């Protein structure tokens, strides 16, 4: 049996205006995951002095670096407002450099030890 949810009442216009004054992107036309990743990238760019795609993203975590790389390579498919947000933090459709090595708190991760095959 399907459970019906009550209709959610519309937000009063004055509340919408207050939220938009705080953050114009409080309800973007793209996914919340994209928005969270963008905020992580923005905060990283502010802390590190901007992004330079031509060098890859060696100071980022592996996940953030991968997300940034994907934004560069899929730039033309993004909403114009997404492109503007990314441009504000230094990310453009320029071809990114080869992504740097995975990082752990700004330092390269140690190389994994090579496993020797087990002899029988």
Protein backbone atom coordinates (compact mmCIF):
# COMPACT_ATOMS: atom_id res chain seq x y z
CA UNK A 1 0.00 0.00 0.00
CA UNK A 2 1.42 3.40 -0.98
CA UNK A 3 1.79 5.98 1.73
CA UNK A 4 0.60 9.41 0.70
CA UNK A 5 2.56 12.37 1.97
CA UNK A 6 0.85 15.61 2.80
CA UNK A 7 1.48 18.45 0.40
CA UNK A 8 4.23 20.77 1.45
CA UNK A 9 2.94 24.34 1.61
CA UNK A 10 4.68 26.94 -0.52
CA UNK A 11 7.29 28.99 1.24
CA UNK A 12 6.19 32.57 1.86
CA UNK A 13 7.81 34.94 -0.66
CA UNK A 14 9.50 36.96 2.09
CA UNK A 15 11.29 33.80 3.29
CA UNK A 16 12.43 33.03 -0.24
CA UNK A 17 13.78 36.60 -0.56
CA UNK A 18 15.63 36.28 2.76
CA UNK A 19 17.25 33.01 1.72
CA UNK A 20 18.25 34.41 -1.66
CA UNK A 21 19.82 37.40 0.09
CA UNK A 22 21.94 34.99 2.17
CA UNK A 23 22.88 32.66 -0.69
CA UNK A 24 21.60 33.07 -4.25
CA UNK A 25 22.36 29.38 -4.82
CA UNK A 26 20.30 27.99 -1.93
CA UNK A 27 18.13 26.06 -4.40
CA UNK A 28 20.13 25.64 -7.61
CA UNK A 29 18.84 23.90 -10.73
CA UNK A 30 21.61 21.28 -10.38
CA UNK A 31 22.14 18.51 -7.84
CA UNK A 32 22.97 19.05 -4.19
CA UNK A 33 26.02 16.80 -4.67
CA UNK A 34 27.37 19.16 -7.33
CA UNK A 35 26.73 22.11 -5.03
CA UNK A 36 28.54 20.47 -2.10
CA UNK A 37 31.50 19.60 -4.30
CA UNK A 38 31.61 23.16 -5.59
CA UNK A 39 31.67 24.58 -2.05
CA UNK A 40 34.50 22.20 -1.18
CA UNK A 41 36.41 23.35 -4.28
CA UNK A 42 35.69 27.02 -3.52
CA UNK A 43 36.93 26.66 0.05
CA UNK A 44 40.05 24.85 -1.17
CA UNK A 45 40.71 27.56 -3.78
CA UNK A 46 40.39 30.27 -1.13
CA UNK A 47 42.77 28.47 1.21
CA UNK A 48 45.32 27.58 -1.50
CA UNK A 49 45.16 30.77 -3.59
CA UNK A 50 43.14 29.62 -6.58
CA UNK A 51 43.08 26.67 -8.91
CA UNK A 52 45.43 26.16 -11.84
CA UNK A 53 44.04 23.37 -14.02
CA UNK A 54 47.12 23.37 -16.23
CA UNK A 55 49.08 21.87 -13.31
CA UNK A 56 46.48 19.25 -12.46
CA UNK A 57 45.25 19.39 -8.89
CA UNK A 58 48.13 18.08 -6.75
CA UNK A 59 47.09 19.85 -3.53
CA UNK A 60 43.58 18.42 -3.46
CA UNK A 61 42.23 15.18 -2.12
CA UNK A 62 41.85 12.47 -4.72
CA UNK A 63 38.05 12.86 -4.81
CA UNK A 64 38.13 16.64 -5.16
CA UNK A 65 40.85 16.48 -7.81
CA UNK A 66 38.80 14.00 -9.80
CA UNK A 67 35.68 16.18 -9.49
CA UNK A 68 37.61 19.27 -10.64
CA UNK A 69 39.08 17.37 -13.58
CA UNK A 70 35.59 16.23 -14.60
CA UNK A 71 34.30 19.80 -14.42
CA UNK A 72 37.06 20.96 -16.78
CA UNK A 73 36.48 18.19 -19.29
CA UNK A 74 32.68 18.53 -19.16
CA UNK A 75 32.61 22.33 -18.91
CA UNK A 76 30.54 22.87 -22.06
CA UNK A 77 27.77 20.64 -20.69
CA UNK A 78 27.37 22.66 -17.47
CA UNK A 79 24.67 25.23 -16.76
CA UNK A 80 25.94 28.77 -17.54
CA UNK A 81 25.67 29.65 -13.83
CA UNK A 82 27.80 26.61 -12.95
CA UNK A 83 30.40 27.76 -15.46
CA UNK A 84 30.38 31.23 -13.87
CA UNK A 85 30.81 29.78 -10.36
CA UNK A 86 33.73 27.64 -11.52
CA UNK A 87 35.34 30.54 -13.38
CA UNK A 88 35.19 32.58 -10.17
CA UNK A 89 37.51 30.03 -8.51
CA UNK A 90 39.84 29.75 -11.50
CA UNK A 91 38.36 26.76 -13.29
CA UNK A 92 37.75 27.19 -17.00
CA UNK A 93 37.30 24.87 -19.97
CA UNK A 94 41.07 24.83 -20.53
CA UNK A 95 42.37 21.33 -20.75
CA UNK A 96 43.55 20.38 -17.28
CA UNK A 97 47.04 19.08 -16.84
CA UNK A 98 47.64 15.52 -15.92
CA UNK A 99 46.09 15.10 -12.48
CA UNK A 100 48.69 15.06 -9.75
CA UNK A 101 49.20 12.09 -7.46
CA UNK A 102 46.59 11.36 -4.80
CA UNK A 103 47.21 13.53 -1.75
CA UNK A 104 46.77 13.08 1.97
CA UNK A 105 46.52 16.42 3.76
CA UNK A 106 48.61 18.14 1.08
CA UNK A 107 51.38 15.53 0.98
CA UNK A 108 51.79 12.71 -1.54
CA UNK A 109 50.63 9.35 -0.31
CA UNK A 110 53.44 6.85 0.25
CA UNK A 111 53.97 4.29 -2.46
CA UNK A 112 52.24 1.00 -1.89
CA UNK A 113 54.61 -1.87 -1.15
CA UNK A 114 54.88 -4.38 -3.94
CA UNK A 115 53.55 -7.77 -3.00
CA UNK A 116 55.61 -10.81 -3.88
CA UNK A 117 53.77 -13.82 -5.23
CA UNK A 118 53.40 -16.59 -2.68
CA UNK A 119 55.48 -19.64 -3.47
CA UNK A 120 53.92 -23.03 -2.91
